[in-house]
PDB file of N, CA and C in Angstrom:
ATOM      1  N   UNK A   1       0.832  -1.195   0.000  1.00  0.00           N
ATOM      2  CA  UNK A   1       0.000   0.000   0.000  1.00  0.00           C
ATOM      3  C   UNK A   1       0.873   1.255   0.000  1.00  0.00           C
ATOM      4  N   UNK A   2       1.919   1.260   0.791  1.00  0.00           N
ATOM      5  CA  UNK A   2       2.777   2.429   0.886  1.00  0.00           C
ATOM      6  C   UNK A   2       3.513   2.679  -0.422  1.00  0.00           C
ATOM      7  N   UNK A   3       3.973   1.607  -1.057  1.00  0.00           N
ATOM      8  CA  UNK A   3       4.673   1.774  -2.332  1.00  0.00           C
ATOM      9  C   UNK A   3       3.741   2.342  -3.396  1.00  0.00           C
ATOM     10  N   UNK A   4       2.510   1.890  -3.402  1.00  0.00           N
ATOM     11  CA  UNK A   4       1.529   2.391  -4.366  1.00  0.00           C
ATOM     12  C   UNK A   4       1.268   3.873  -4.143  1.00  0.00           C
ATOM     13  N   UNK A   5       1.164   4.265  -2.891  1.00  0.00           N
ATOM     14  CA  UNK A   5       0.932   5.666  -2.559  1.00  0.00           C
ATOM     15  C   UNK A   5       2.119   6.536  -2.971  1.00  0.00           C
ATOM     16  N   UNK A   6       3.320   6.062  -2.752  1.00  0.00           N
ATOM     17  CA  UNK A   6       4.524   6.811  -3.124  1.00  0.00           C
ATOM     18  C   UNK A   6       4.602   6.962  -4.641  1.00  0.00           C
ATOM     19  N   UNK A   7       4.315   5.901  -5.365  1.00  0.00           N
ATOM     20  CA  UNK A   7       4.344   5.963  -6.833  1.00  0.00           C
ATOM     21  C   UNK A   7       3.292   6.941  -7.343  1.00  0.00           C
ATOM     22  N   UNK A   8       2.087   6.876  -6.784  1.00  0.00           N
ATOM     23  CA  UNK A   8       1.024   7.791  -7.203  1.00  0.00           C
ATOM     24  C   UNK A   8       1.404   9.237  -6.910  1.00  0.00           C
ATOM     25  N   UNK A   9       2.007   9.468  -5.761  1.00  0.00           N
ATOM     26  CA  UNK A   9       2.430  10.821  -5.393  1.00  0.00           C
ATOM     27  C   UNK A   9       3.527  11.330  -6.325  1.00  0.00           C
ATOM     28  N   UNK A  10       4.482  10.471  -6.662  1.00  0.00           N
ATOM     29  CA  UNK A  10       5.549  10.868  -7.585  1.00  0.00           C
ATOM     30  C   UNK A  10       5.005  11.167  -8.980  1.00  0.00           C
ATOM     31  N   UNK A  11       4.066  10.370  -9.440  1.00  0.00           N
ATOM     32  CA  UNK A  11       3.458  10.616 -10.752  1.00  0.00           C
ATOM     33  C   UNK A  11       2.708  11.940 -10.739  1.00  0.00           C
ATOM     34  N   UNK A  12       1.975  12.197  -9.667  1.00  0.00           N
ATOM     35  CA  UNK A  12       1.234  13.455  -9.561  1.00  0.00           C
ATOM     36  C   UNK A  12       2.178  14.655  -9.542  1.00  0.00           C
ATOM     37  N   UNK A  13       3.227  14.579  -8.745  1.00  0.00           N
ATOM     38  CA  UNK A  13       4.187  15.684  -8.681  1.00  0.00           C
ATOM     39  C   UNK A  13       4.911  15.872 -10.012  1.00  0.00           C
ATOM     40  N   UNK A  14       5.233  14.783 -10.683  1.00  0.00           N
ATOM     41  CA  UNK A  14       5.858  14.888 -12.003  1.00  0.00           C
ATOM     42  C   UNK A  14       4.954  15.573 -13.004  1.00  0.00           C
ATOM     43  N   UNK A  15       3.672  15.259 -12.941  1.00  0.00           N
ATOM     44  CA  UNK A  15       2.708  15.898 -13.846  1.00  0.00           C
ATOM     45  C   UNK A  15       2.592  17.387 -13.553  1.00  0.00           C
ATOM     46  N   UNK A  16       2.534  17.742 -12.290  1.00  0.00           N
ATOM     47  CA  UNK A  16       2.436  19.156 -11.914  1.00  0.00           C
ATOM     48  C   UNK A  16       3.689  19.916 -12.346  1.00  0.00           C
ATOM     49  N   UNK A  17       4.844  19.341 -12.127  1.00  0.00           N
ATOM     50  CA  UNK A  17       6.093  20.008 -12.517  1.00  0.00           C
ATOM     51  C   UNK A  17       6.177  20.153 -14.029  1.00  0.00           C
ATOM     52  N   UNK A  18       5.768  19.119 -14.762  1.00  0.00           N
ATOM     53  CA  UNK A  18       5.780  19.200 -16.231  1.00  0.00           C
ATOM     54  C   UNK A  18       4.842  20.294 -16.721  1.00  0.00           C
ATOM     55  N   UNK A  19       3.680  20.426 -16.096  1.00  0.00           N
ATOM     56  CA  UNK A  19       2.738  21.476 -16.492  1.00  0.00           C
ATOM     57  C   UNK A  19       3.313  22.860 -16.199  1.00  0.00           C
ATOM     58  N   UNK A  20       3.978  23.019 -15.068  1.00  0.00           N
ATOM     59  CA  UNK A  20       4.578  24.312 -14.733  1.00  0.00           C
ATOM     60  C   UNK A  20       5.709  24.671 -15.693  1.00  0.00           C
ATOM     61  N   UNK A  21       6.520  23.699 -16.056  1.00  0.00           N
ATOM     62  CA  UNK A  21       7.611  23.958 -17.001  1.00  0.00           C
ATOM     63  C   UNK A  21       7.043  24.334 -18.366  1.00  0.00           C
ATOM     64  N   UNK A  22       6.025  23.605 -18.817  1.00  0.00           N
ATOM     65  CA  UNK A  22       5.411  23.914 -20.115  1.00  0.00           C
ATOM     66  C   UNK A  22       4.796  25.310 -20.100  1.00  0.00           C
ATOM     67  N   UNK A  23       4.146  25.670 -19.003  1.00  0.00           N
ATOM     68  CA  UNK A  23       3.581  27.009 -18.890  1.00  0.00           C
ATOM     69  C   UNK A  23       4.647  28.085 -18.889  1.00  0.00           C
ATOM     70  N   UNK A  24       5.761  27.828 -18.232  1.00  0.00           N
ATOM     71  CA  UNK A  24       6.860  28.795 -18.212  1.00  0.00           C
ATOM     72  C   UNK A  24       7.477  28.996 -19.579  1.00  0.00           C
ATOM     73  N   UNK A  25       7.639  27.914 -20.323  1.00  0.00           N
ATOM     74  CA  UNK A  25       8.195  28.019 -21.674  1.00  0.00           C
ATOM     75  C   UNK A  25       7.240  28.789 -22.576  1.00  0.00           C
ATOM     76  N   UNK A  26       5.954  28.480 -22.482  1.00  0.00           N
ATOM     77  CA  UNK A  26       4.961  29.194 -23.287  1.00  0.00           C
ATOM     78  C   UNK A  26       4.958  30.678 -22.951  1.00  0.00           C
ATOM     79  N   UNK A  27       5.035  31.008 -21.681  1.00  0.00           N
ATOM     80  CA  UNK A  27       5.072  32.406 -21.266  1.00  0.00           C
ATOM     81  C   UNK A  27       6.307  33.110 -21.806  1.00  0.00           C
ATOM     82  N   UNK A  28       7.445  32.461 -21.756  1.00  0.00           N
ATOM     83  CA  UNK A  28       8.676  33.075 -22.263  1.00  0.00           C
ATOM     84  C   UNK A  28       8.588  33.337 -23.763  1.00  0.00           C
ATOM     85  N   UNK A  29       8.019  32.399 -24.504  1.00  0.00           N
ATOM     86  CA  UNK A  29       7.867  32.583 -25.954  1.00  0.00           C
ATOM     87  C   UNK A  29       6.921  33.738 -26.239  1.00  0.00           C
ATOM     88  N   UNK A  30       5.804  33.803 -25.531  1.00  0.00           N
ATOM     89  CA  UNK A  30       4.835  34.876 -25.747  1.00  0.00           C
ATOM     90  C   UNK A  30       5.427  36.237 -25.385  1.00  0.00           C
ATOM     91  N   UNK A  31       6.157  36.315 -24.294  1.00  0.00           N
ATOM     92  CA  UNK A  31       6.762  37.593 -23.906  1.00  0.00           C
ATOM     93  C   UNK A  31       7.770  38.069 -24.944  1.00  0.00           C
ATOM     94  N   UNK A  32       8.535  37.153 -25.501  1.00  0.00           N
ATOM     95  CA  UNK A  32       9.493  37.515 -26.545  1.00  0.00           C
ATOM     96  C   UNK A  32       8.770  38.046 -27.772  1.00  0.00           C
ATOM     97  N   UNK A  33       7.693  37.367 -28.160  1.00  0.00           N
ATOM     98  CA  UNK A  33       6.916  37.798 -29.323  1.00  0.00           C
ATOM     99  C   UNK A  33       6.257  39.157 -29.071  1.00  0.00           C
ATOM    100  N   UNK A  34       5.701  39.343 -27.878  1.00  0.00           N
ATOM    101  CA  UNK A  34       5.050  40.615 -27.560  1.00  0.00           C
ATOM    102  C   UNK A  34       6.058  41.762 -27.541  1.00  0.00           C
ATOM    103  N   UNK A  35       7.253  41.497 -27.059  1.00  0.00           N
ATOM    104  CA  UNK A  35       8.279  42.539 -27.038  1.00  0.00           C
ATOM    105  C   UNK A  35       8.675  42.934 -28.456  1.00  0.00           C
ATOM    106  N   UNK A  36       8.825  41.964 -29.333  1.00  0.00           N
ATOM    107  CA  UNK A  36       9.172  42.256 -30.730  1.00  0.00           C
ATOM    108  C   UNK A  36       8.049  43.037 -31.411  1.00  0.00           C
ATOM    109  N   UNK A  37       6.792  42.632 -31.175  1.00  0.00           N
ATOM    110  CA  UNK A  37       5.662  43.361 -31.758  1.00  0.00           C
ATOM    111  C   UNK A  37       5.594  44.787 -31.223  1.00  0.00           C
ATOM    112  N   UNK A  38       5.839  44.954 -29.936  1.00  0.00           N
ATOM    113  CA  UNK A  38       5.814  46.281 -29.335  1.00  0.00           C
ATOM    114  C   UNK A  38       6.897  47.167 -29.939  1.00  0.00           C
ATOM    115  N   UNK A  39       8.072  46.598 -30.176  1.00  0.00           N
ATOM    116  CA  UNK A  39       9.156  47.369 -30.785  1.00  0.00           C
ATOM    117  C   UNK A  39       8.779  47.801 -32.206  1.00  0.00           C
ATOM    118  N   UNK A  40       8.180  46.897 -32.976  1.00  0.00           N
ATOM    119  CA  UNK A  40       7.775  47.255 -34.340  1.00  0.00           C
ATOM    120  C   UNK A  40       6.683  48.321 -34.333  1.00  0.00           C
ATOM    121  N   UNK A  41       5.734  48.222 -33.400  1.00  0.00           N
ATOM    122  CA  UNK A  41       4.691  49.247 -33.304  1.00  0.00           C
ATOM    123  C   UNK A  41       5.290  50.606 -32.939  1.00  0.00           C
ATOM    124  N   UNK A  42       6.240  50.607 -32.006  1.00  0.00           N
ATOM    125  CA  UNK A  42       6.890  51.858 -31.630  1.00  0.00           C
ATOM    126  C   UNK A  42       7.632  52.453 -32.821  1.00  0.00           C
ATOM    127  N   UNK A  43       8.341  51.617 -33.571  1.00  0.00           N
ATOM    128  CA  UNK A  43       9.089  52.084 -34.730  1.00  0.00           C
ATOM    129  C   UNK A  43       8.158  52.696 -35.773  1.00  0.00           C
ATOM    130  N   UNK A  44       7.042  52.026 -36.041  1.00  0.00           N
ATOM    131  CA  UNK A  44       6.095  52.543 -37.034  1.00  0.00           C
ATOM    132  C   UNK A  44       5.476  53.856 -36.551  1.00  0.00           C
ATOM    133  N   UNK A  45       5.130  53.919 -35.287  1.00  0.00           N
ATOM    134  CA  UNK A  45       4.569  55.144 -34.728  1.00  0.00           C
ATOM    135  C   UNK A  45       5.573  56.286 -34.836  1.00  0.00           C
ATOM    136  N   UNK A  46       6.841  56.007 -34.546  1.00  0.00           N
ATOM    137  CA  UNK A  46       7.886  57.028 -34.649  1.00  0.00           C
ATOM    138  C   UNK A  46       8.026  57.513 -36.091  1.00  0.00           C
ATOM    139  N   UNK A  47       7.962  56.603 -37.059  1.00  0.00           N
ATOM    140  CA  UNK A  47       8.044  56.983 -38.467  1.00  0.00           C
ATOM    141  C   UNK A  47       6.862  57.862 -38.870  1.00  0.00           C
ATOM    142  N   UNK A  48       5.669  57.526 -38.388  1.00  0.00           N
ATOM    143  CA  UNK A  48       4.488  58.336 -38.712  1.00  0.00           C
ATOM    144  C   UNK A  48       4.596  59.730 -38.097  1.00  0.00           C
ATOM    145  N   UNK A  49       5.036  59.812 -36.852  1.00  0.00           N
ATOM    146  CA  UNK A  49       5.183  61.115 -36.202  1.00  0.00           C
ATOM    147  C   UNK A  49       6.216  61.965 -36.934  1.00  0.00           C
ATOM    148  N   UNK A  50       7.350  61.372 -37.288  1.00  0.00           N
ATOM    149  CA  UNK A  50       8.376  62.118 -38.021  1.00  0.00           C
ATOM    150  C   UNK A  50       7.865  62.570 -39.384  1.00  0.00           C
ATOM    151  N   UNK A  51       7.100  61.723 -40.043  1.00  0.00           N
ATOM    152  CA  UNK A  51       6.550  62.056 -41.359  1.00  0.00           C
ATOM    153  C   UNK A  51       5.624  63.277 -41.264  1.00  0.00           C
ATOM    154  N   UNK A  52       4.766  63.269 -40.259  1.00  0.00           N
ATOM    155  CA  UNK A  52       3.826  64.385 -40.086  1.00  0.00           C
ATOM    156  C   UNK A  52       4.566  65.638 -39.632  1.00  0.00           C
ATOM    157  N   UNK A  53       5.513  65.501 -38.707  1.00  0.00           N
ATOM    158  CA  UNK A  53       6.237  66.645 -38.174  1.00  0.00           C
ATOM    159  C   UNK A  53       7.030  67.359 -39.262  1.00  0.00           C
ATOM    160  N   UNK A  54       7.610  66.603 -40.169  1.00  0.00           N
ATOM    161  CA  UNK A  54       8.392  67.201 -41.250  1.00  0.00           C
ATOM    162  C   UNK A  54       7.520  67.782 -42.351  1.00  0.00           C
ATOM    163  N   UNK A  55       6.220  67.556 -42.284  1.00  0.00           N
ATOM    164  CA  UNK A  55       5.308  68.104 -43.277  1.00  0.00           C
ATOM    165  C   UNK A  55       5.374  67.389 -44.614  1.00  0.00           C
ATOM    166  N   UNK A  56       5.784  66.146 -44.618  1.00  0.00           N
ATOM    167  CA  UNK A  56       5.848  65.386 -45.861  1.00  0.00           C
ATOM    168  C   UNK A  56       4.441  65.093 -46.376  1.00  0.00           C
ATOM    169  N   UNK A  57       4.271  65.081 -47.697  1.00  0.00           N
ATOM    170  CA  UNK A  57       2.944  64.815 -48.249  1.00  0.00           C
ATOM    171  C   UNK A  57       2.588  63.326 -48.140  1.00  0.00           C
ATOM    172  N   UNK A  58       1.290  63.021 -48.335  1.00  0.00           N
ATOM    173  CA  UNK A  58       0.882  61.613 -48.340  1.00  0.00           C
ATOM    174  C   UNK A  58       1.559  60.885 -49.485  1.00  0.00           C
ATOM    175  N   UNK A  59       1.674  59.635 -49.477  1.00  0.00           N
ATOM    176  CA  UNK A  59       1.219  58.652 -48.490  1.00  0.00           C
ATOM    177  C   UNK A  59       2.202  58.532 -47.327  1.00  0.00           C
ATOM    178  N   UNK A  60       1.717  58.026 -46.203  1.00  0.00           N
ATOM    179  CA  UNK A  60       2.611  57.838 -45.056  1.00  0.00           C
ATOM    180  C   UNK A  60       3.606  56.712 -45.331  1.00  0.00           C
ATOM    181  N   UNK A  61       4.648  56.632 -44.539  1.00  0.00           N
ATOM    182  CA  UNK A  61       5.630  55.559 -44.740  1.00  0.00           C
ATOM    183  C   UNK A  61       4.999  54.185 -44.489  1.00  0.00           C
ATOM    184  N   UNK A  62       5.472  53.178 -45.192  1.00  0.00           N
ATOM    185  CA  UNK A  62       4.906  51.831 -44.978  1.00  0.00           C
ATOM    186  C   UNK A  62       5.327  51.275 -43.620  1.00  0.00           C
ATOM    187  N   UNK A  63       4.536  50.358 -43.091  1.00  0.00           N
ATOM    188  CA  UNK A  63       4.917  49.752 -41.808  1.00  0.00           C
ATOM    189  C   UNK A  63       6.144  48.863 -41.969  1.00  0.00           C
ATOM    190  N   UNK A  64       6.867  48.646 -40.892  1.00  0.00           N
ATOM    191  CA  UNK A  64       8.033  47.757 -40.954  1.00  0.00           C
ATOM    192  C   UNK A  64       7.606  46.333 -41.333  1.00  0.00           C
ATOM    193  N   UNK A  65       8.475  45.601 -41.988  1.00  0.00           N
ATOM    194  CA  UNK A  65       8.123  44.221 -42.347  1.00  0.00           C
ATOM    195  C   UNK A  65       7.839  43.374 -41.108  1.00  0.00           C
ATOM    196  N   UNK A  66       6.777  42.602 -41.178  1.00  0.00           N
ATOM    197  CA  UNK A  66       6.418  41.714 -40.078  1.00  0.00           C
ATOM    198  C   UNK A  66       5.499  42.319 -39.046  1.00  0.00           C
ATOM    199  N   UNK A  67       5.121  43.587 -39.204  1.00  0.00           N
ATOM    200  CA  UNK A  67       4.286  44.222 -38.186  1.00  0.00           C
ATOM    201  C   UNK A  67       2.864  43.676 -38.197  1.00  0.00           C
ATOM    202  N   UNK A  68       2.258  43.556 -39.351  1.00  0.00           N
ATOM    203  CA  UNK A  68       0.863  43.132 -39.438  1.00  0.00           C
ATOM    204  C   UNK A  68       0.727  41.716 -39.981  1.00  0.00           C
ATOM    205  N   UNK A  69       1.717  40.870 -39.725  1.00  0.00           N
ATOM    206  CA  UNK A  69       1.638  39.474 -40.188  1.00  0.00           C
ATOM    207  C   UNK A  69       0.866  38.631 -39.208  1.00  0.00           C
TER     208      UNK A  69
END
């Protein structure tokens, strides 16, 4: 009985740890992607502000590659 309980407990803890690791990896990937998207949005916004400030005629500058993919 004790061995069965220990095995069940180890399996449960292994499952919980695996889920936490998978969640951490997913979070790290999403944060990296969000940071890259935020940088591209900032860059495009800066280009639009500079375009308007300098009084350049339409059309506005195109967005950076990969911004709206």
